[in-house]
Amino acid sequence: MISFIIPSFNQGSYIEYTIKSVIANMSSADELIIADGGSADNTDNVVKNFLHDSRVVYFSEPDRGFSDAVSKALLKVKNPIVGIMSSDDAYVSNIREKIINLFKEETINLIYGDYEIINKNNRKIGLRKHKEGTLEEILSLRVLLPQSSVFFRMSAVDLSKSLNLKHDYIADVVLFNQICIKGGVKYLPEILSQVRRHEGSRTGKRNPGVQYLDAINTVLSDMPISIKRKAEAGALLLRARYEASSNKRLIALKTLFEGLYRDVSLVNHWLLPRTAGYMLIGSGGMDFIKRFVEKLK
């Protein structure tokens, strides 16, 4: 049995598509928990169209962001397996049995798969494939677990440490990585979800690298010592990327060298070319390249 969670805030334009994709994958024993942060748009009217279904649980009240919304929803979860879906993304069809079958192996705590990228009109514009990541690769951010294509065992979640508001922009990364430290991670090389690219996508106001560094020393402090320096290096690279994208290039360069000091293999990290791009041509140049690529699609 699966508990699906949709944290939501002002995504009334897309949440109907999201909800329908969840319901299409639900059995009679599953549940859908929609945790809305008191949206000011038409979200409430859209969601009410689905409340005739007894499997749908809905509450709408002011919250303090993604972490707060998901924390509230996790307290309501009744089933052993959980999936978290953003209110502007969606699942693809016919994935439930694949997920359930994998969790029949009791040692599995978390599974993740691939996803499609769609635009605001639900048209596919890209594909993201992943790989089977080691714990070191996951904790050093060489392999990022995609929120929309992750399912986990509720018994592996420590609610006393998970989803700290200080880590709101990377809350999903921290939650999943906490579970990964416990072991039992499985990659399913199939498309499980659709991630939407649009101007209203959730963005962070704080540097995610700073947040991940804090998480490494607090809620992720039980990671193996042998991996900690590589995890810190990955966090510093993420911090440098954010600084470079904010046109703080000299600060970003200093942060990058600090990361390389911790782990010289950072030169092979997938995020390094993007960081270097921001350092060389700035955020304006990178934005131009992104817009150009989007037009080609």
Protein backbone atom coordinates (compact mmCIF):
# COMPACT_ATOMS: atom_id res chain seq x y z
CA MET A 1 0.00 0.00 0.00
CA ILE A 2 1.25 3.46 -0.91
CA SER A 3 0.68 6.91 0.57
CA PHE A 4 1.15 9.61 -2.06
CA ILE A 5 1.89 13.14 -0.82
CA ILE A 6 1.40 16.35 -2.81
CA PRO A 7 2.73 19.50 -1.09
CA SER A 8 1.18 22.49 -2.83
CA PHE A 9 1.17 26.26 -2.96
CA ASN A 10 -0.41 28.36 -5.72
CA GLN A 11 -0.14 25.72 -8.44
CA GLY A 12 -3.81 25.70 -9.39
CA SER A 13 -2.90 25.76 -13.08
CA TYR A 14 -1.20 22.36 -12.85
CA ILE A 15 -2.41 20.50 -9.78
CA GLU A 16 -5.39 18.88 -11.53
CA TYR A 17 -2.98 17.15 -13.94
CA THR A 18 -0.88 16.07 -10.96
CA ILE A 19 -3.79 14.68 -8.96
CA LYS A 20 -5.17 12.74 -11.91
CA SER A 21 -1.76 11.14 -12.49
CA VAL A 22 -1.66 9.99 -8.86
CA ILE A 23 -5.22 8.65 -8.79
CA ALA A 24 -4.57 6.74 -12.01
CA ASN A 25 -1.85 4.82 -10.17
CA MET A 26 -3.76 4.20 -6.92
CA SER A 27 -5.37 1.01 -5.67
CA SER A 28 -8.30 0.95 -3.27
CA ALA A 29 -5.87 0.59 -0.35
CA ASP A 30 -3.73 3.60 -1.25
CA GLU A 31 -4.17 7.18 -0.10
CA LEU A 32 -3.41 10.65 -1.44
CA ILE A 33 -2.54 13.41 1.04
CA ILE A 34 -2.62 16.95 -0.38
CA ALA A 35 -0.87 19.41 1.93
CA ASP A 36 -1.63 22.92 0.71
CA GLY A 37 -0.01 26.00 2.20
CA GLY A 38 -3.10 28.18 2.03
CA SER A 39 -2.99 28.93 -1.69
CA ALA A 40 -4.48 32.21 -2.88
CA ASP A 41 -5.26 30.97 -6.41
CA ASN A 42 -7.85 28.41 -7.60
CA THR A 43 -6.15 25.41 -5.97
CA ASP A 44 -8.92 24.95 -3.41
CA ASN A 45 -11.65 24.81 -6.08
CA VAL A 46 -9.65 22.34 -8.17
CA VAL A 47 -8.92 19.98 -5.27
CA LYS A 48 -12.54 19.97 -4.04
CA ASN A 49 -13.52 18.23 -7.28
CA PHE A 50 -11.64 15.15 -6.04
CA LEU A 51 -12.82 15.04 -2.44
CA HIS A 52 -15.68 12.66 -3.24
CA ASP A 53 -12.93 10.02 -3.34
CA SER A 54 -12.48 8.74 0.22
CA ARG A 55 -8.82 7.96 -0.51
CA VAL A 56 -8.05 11.68 -0.88
CA VAL A 57 -7.08 13.64 2.25
CA TYR A 58 -6.82 17.41 1.92
CA PHE A 59 -5.87 20.23 4.23
CA SER A 60 -5.03 23.84 3.45
CA GLU A 61 -3.40 26.14 5.98
CA PRO A 62 -0.46 28.55 6.07
CA ASP A 63 2.87 26.78 6.39
CA ARG A 64 6.56 27.61 6.33
CA GLY A 65 7.38 26.01 3.00
CA PHE A 66 7.99 22.61 1.48
CA SER A 67 9.55 21.03 4.59
CA ASP A 68 6.70 22.12 6.82
CA ALA A 69 4.02 20.88 4.40
CA VAL A 70 5.64 17.47 3.93
CA SER A 71 6.28 17.10 7.67
CA LYS A 72 2.58 17.63 8.37
CA ALA A 73 1.63 15.13 5.67
CA LEU A 74 4.06 12.46 6.93
CA LEU A 75 2.34 12.58 10.32
CA LYS A 76 -0.89 11.55 8.57
CA VAL A 77 0.61 8.70 6.52
CA LYS A 78 -1.10 5.32 7.08
CA ASN A 79 0.73 3.12 4.56
CA PRO A 80 4.25 1.62 4.61
CA ILE A 81 5.43 3.08 1.28
CA VAL A 82 5.51 6.81 0.47
CA GLY A 83 5.96 8.92 -2.65
CA ILE A 84 6.18 12.73 -2.70
CA MET A 85 5.02 14.54 -5.85
CA SER A 86 5.28 18.28 -6.46
CA SER A 87 1.98 19.90 -7.38
CA ASP A 88 3.17 20.85 -10.87
CA ASP A 89 4.74 17.47 -11.76
CA ALA A 90 3.12 14.07 -12.39
CA TYR A 91 3.52 10.30 -12.47
CA VAL A 92 3.45 8.34 -15.69
CA SER A 93 0.92 5.52 -16.03
CA ASN A 94 1.16 1.98 -14.72
CA ILE A 95 4.03 2.27 -12.26
CA ARG A 96 2.36 1.05 -9.06
CA GLU A 97 2.94 -2.68 -9.42
CA LYS A 98 6.60 -2.13 -10.28
CA ILE A 99 7.04 -0.16 -7.07
CA ILE A 100 5.15 -2.63 -4.91
CA ASN A 101 7.09 -5.59 -6.31
CA LEU A 102 10.44 -3.98 -5.51
CA PHE A 103 9.40 -3.30 -1.92
CA LYS A 104 8.53 -6.96 -1.42
CA GLU A 105 12.23 -7.31 -0.75
CA GLU A 106 12.33 -6.30 2.92
CA THR A 107 15.88 -4.90 2.76
CA ILE A 108 14.83 -2.20 0.28
CA ASN A 109 14.25 1.19 1.94
CA LEU A 110 14.21 3.46 -1.12
CA ILE A 111 13.86 3.13 -4.88
CA TYR A 112 14.35 5.77 -7.56
CA GLY A 113 13.95 5.95 -11.33
CA ASP A 114 14.12 8.29 -14.30
CA TYR A 115 11.83 11.09 -15.43
CA GLU A 116 10.63 13.00 -18.46
CA ILE A 117 10.72 16.79 -18.67
CA ILE A 118 7.53 18.47 -19.83
CA ASN A 119 6.61 22.09 -20.54
CA LYS A 120 3.62 24.08 -19.34
CA ASN A 121 1.47 22.46 -22.05
CA ASN A 122 2.36 18.89 -20.94
CA ARG A 123 4.57 18.39 -24.00
CA LYS A 124 7.68 16.27 -23.50
CA ILE A 125 10.83 18.35 -24.01
CA GLY A 126 13.50 16.16 -22.45
CA LEU A 127 14.50 13.07 -20.51
CA ARG A 128 16.67 12.53 -17.43
CA LYS A 129 18.24 9.13 -16.91
CA HIS A 130 20.14 8.20 -13.79
CA LYS A 131 22.31 5.30 -12.66
CA GLU A 132 22.78 2.98 -9.72
CA GLY A 133 24.62 5.24 -7.29
CA THR A 134 26.88 4.20 -4.44
CA LEU A 135 26.35 5.80 -1.05
CA GLU A 136 29.44 7.95 -1.65
CA GLU A 137 28.07 9.18 -5.00
CA ILE A 138 24.69 9.99 -3.50
CA LEU A 139 26.02 11.84 -0.46
CA SER A 140 28.55 13.81 -2.54
CA LEU A 141 25.72 14.84 -4.91
CA ARG A 142 27.24 13.03 -7.89
CA VAL A 143 23.95 11.16 -8.10
CA LEU A 144 20.87 13.24 -7.22
CA LEU A 145 17.75 11.30 -6.34
CA PRO A 146 14.84 12.87 -8.28
CA GLN A 147 12.01 13.67 -5.87
CA SER A 148 9.26 12.88 -8.36
CA SER A 149 10.66 9.39 -9.07
CA VAL A 150 11.48 8.33 -5.50
CA PHE A 151 9.50 6.00 -3.24
CA PHE A 152 10.62 5.09 0.27
CA ARG A 153 9.69 2.97 3.24
CA MET A 154 8.07 5.01 5.99
CA SER A 155 9.75 2.91 8.67
CA ALA A 156 13.14 4.22 7.44
CA VAL A 157 12.18 7.85 8.17
CA ASP A 158 13.29 9.46 11.41
CA LEU A 159 10.69 12.18 11.90
CA SER A 160 12.67 13.69 14.77
CA LYS A 161 15.50 14.65 12.39
CA SER A 162 13.93 14.82 8.93
CA LEU A 163 12.80 17.94 7.07
CA ASN A 164 14.47 20.63 9.14
CA LEU A 165 13.20 24.05 8.05
CA LYS A 166 16.82 25.22 7.76
CA HIS A 167 17.18 22.92 4.77
CA ASP A 168 13.93 23.79 3.01
CA TYR A 169 15.31 24.21 -0.52
CA ILE A 170 17.05 20.80 -0.40
CA ALA A 171 14.60 19.10 1.96
CA ASP A 172 13.99 16.20 -0.40
CA VAL A 173 17.73 15.62 -0.86
CA VAL A 174 18.33 15.56 2.89
CA LEU A 175 15.35 13.28 3.58
CA PHE A 176 16.34 10.78 0.89
CA ASN A 177 20.02 10.84 1.83
CA GLN A 178 19.14 10.13 5.46
CA ILE A 179 17.35 7.02 4.28
CA CYS A 180 20.21 6.04 1.97
CA ILE A 181 22.65 6.06 4.89
CA LYS A 182 20.58 3.25 6.37
CA GLY A 183 21.08 1.20 3.20
CA GLY A 184 18.71 -0.64 0.90
CA VAL A 185 18.69 1.69 -2.12
CA LYS A 186 17.59 0.42 -5.53
CA TYR A 187 17.64 2.11 -8.93
CA LEU A 188 14.82 1.22 -11.34
CA PRO A 189 15.94 2.15 -14.88
CA GLU A 190 12.48 3.19 -16.05
CA ILE A 191 10.59 6.48 -16.41
CA LEU A 192 8.40 6.95 -13.36
CA SER A 193 7.41 10.60 -13.54
CA GLN A 194 7.22 13.88 -15.43
CA VAL A 195 8.92 17.05 -14.16
CA ARG A 196 7.56 20.33 -15.42
CA ARG A 197 9.71 23.28 -16.49
CA HIS A 198 7.90 26.61 -16.21
CA GLU A 199 8.42 30.10 -14.81
CA GLY A 200 6.55 29.31 -11.60
CA SER A 201 8.71 26.36 -10.59
CA ARG A 202 9.82 26.32 -6.95
CA THR A 203 13.10 28.17 -6.45
CA GLY A 204 15.24 28.78 -3.44
CA LYS A 205 16.11 32.10 -1.82
CA ARG A 206 18.97 30.57 0.18
CA ASN A 207 22.13 28.96 -1.09
CA PRO A 208 21.44 25.19 -1.28
CA GLY A 209 25.13 24.40 -0.83
CA VAL A 210 25.16 26.23 2.51
CA GLN A 211 22.05 24.29 3.53
CA TYR A 212 23.61 20.96 2.55
CA LEU A 213 26.82 21.75 4.46
CA ASP A 214 24.71 22.39 7.55
CA ALA A 215 22.81 19.13 7.00
CA ILE A 216 26.08 17.16 6.75
CA ASN A 217 27.04 18.37 10.22
CA THR A 218 23.61 17.92 11.78
CA VAL A 219 20.92 15.56 10.47
CA LEU A 220 23.36 13.64 8.24
CA SER A 221 26.16 13.47 10.80
CA ASP A 222 25.89 9.67 11.07
CA MET A 223 27.26 9.21 7.55
CA PRO A 224 30.50 7.17 7.32
CA ILE A 225 33.56 9.28 8.20
CA SER A 226 35.28 8.06 5.04
CA ILE A 227 32.60 9.76 2.94
CA LYS A 228 32.20 13.02 4.86
CA ARG A 229 34.97 14.99 3.10
CA LYS A 230 33.62 14.02 -0.32
CA ALA A 231 30.11 15.02 0.78
CA GLU A 232 31.44 18.37 2.00
CA ALA A 233 33.26 18.87 -1.32
CA GLY A 234 30.02 18.24 -3.21
CA ALA A 235 28.20 20.72 -0.98
CA LEU A 236 30.91 23.34 -1.56
CA LEU A 237 30.63 22.85 -5.32
CA LEU A 238 26.86 23.35 -5.07
CA ARG A 239 27.51 26.46 -2.98
CA ALA A 240 30.00 27.75 -5.57
CA ARG A 241 27.51 27.17 -8.38
CA TYR A 242 24.90 29.27 -6.58
CA GLU A 243 27.43 32.02 -5.87
CA ALA A 244 28.61 32.05 -9.49
CA SER A 245 25.02 32.19 -10.77
CA SER A 246 24.52 35.23 -8.52
CA ASN A 247 27.53 36.85 -10.24
CA LYS A 248 29.70 36.51 -7.12
CA ARG A 249 32.48 34.99 -9.20
CA LEU A 250 35.48 35.61 -6.96
CA ILE A 251 33.63 34.25 -3.93
CA ALA A 252 32.57 31.24 -6.02
CA LEU A 253 36.16 30.62 -7.10
CA LYS A 254 37.34 30.64 -3.49
CA THR A 255 34.55 28.22 -2.52
CA LEU A 256 35.43 25.94 -5.44
CA PHE A 257 39.09 25.75 -4.40
CA GLU A 258 37.96 24.93 -0.87
CA GLY A 259 35.96 22.03 -2.30
CA LEU A 260 38.90 20.82 -4.39
CA TYR A 261 41.09 20.89 -1.29
CA ARG A 262 38.69 18.48 0.38
CA ASP A 263 38.39 16.21 -2.65
CA VAL A 264 40.44 16.66 -5.83
CA SER A 265 38.17 14.22 -7.70
CA LEU A 266 35.65 17.07 -7.69
CA VAL A 267 37.08 17.87 -11.13
CA ASN A 268 34.99 14.95 -12.43
CA HIS A 269 31.74 16.09 -10.78
CA TRP A 270 28.84 16.69 -13.19
CA LEU A 271 28.15 20.09 -11.61
CA LEU A 272 31.63 21.50 -12.26
CA PRO A 273 31.08 22.44 -15.96
CA ARG A 274 27.89 24.32 -15.06
CA THR A 275 29.66 26.15 -12.27
CA ALA A 276 32.55 27.02 -14.59
CA GLY A 277 30.05 28.29 -17.17
CA TYR A 278 28.57 30.74 -14.70
CA MET A 279 32.04 31.84 -13.65
CA LEU A 280 33.14 32.48 -17.24
CA ILE A 281 30.09 34.14 -18.77
CA GLY A 282 27.88 35.04 -15.82
CA SER A 283 24.22 34.38 -15.18
CA GLY A 284 23.10 36.51 -18.14
CA GLY A 285 25.13 34.45 -20.59
CA MET A 286 23.97 31.16 -19.11
CA ASP A 287 20.34 32.30 -19.21
CA PHE A 288 20.77 33.19 -22.89
CA ILE A 289 22.15 29.73 -23.63
CA LYS A 290 19.28 28.07 -21.77
CA ARG A 291 16.69 30.09 -23.70
CA PHE A 292 18.42 29.28 -26.97
CA VAL A 293 18.42 25.56 -26.19
CA GLU A 294 14.74 25.68 -25.20
CA LYS A 295 13.86 27.26 -28.56
CA LEU A 296 15.70 24.46 -30.34
CA LYS A 297 13.47 21.97 -28.58
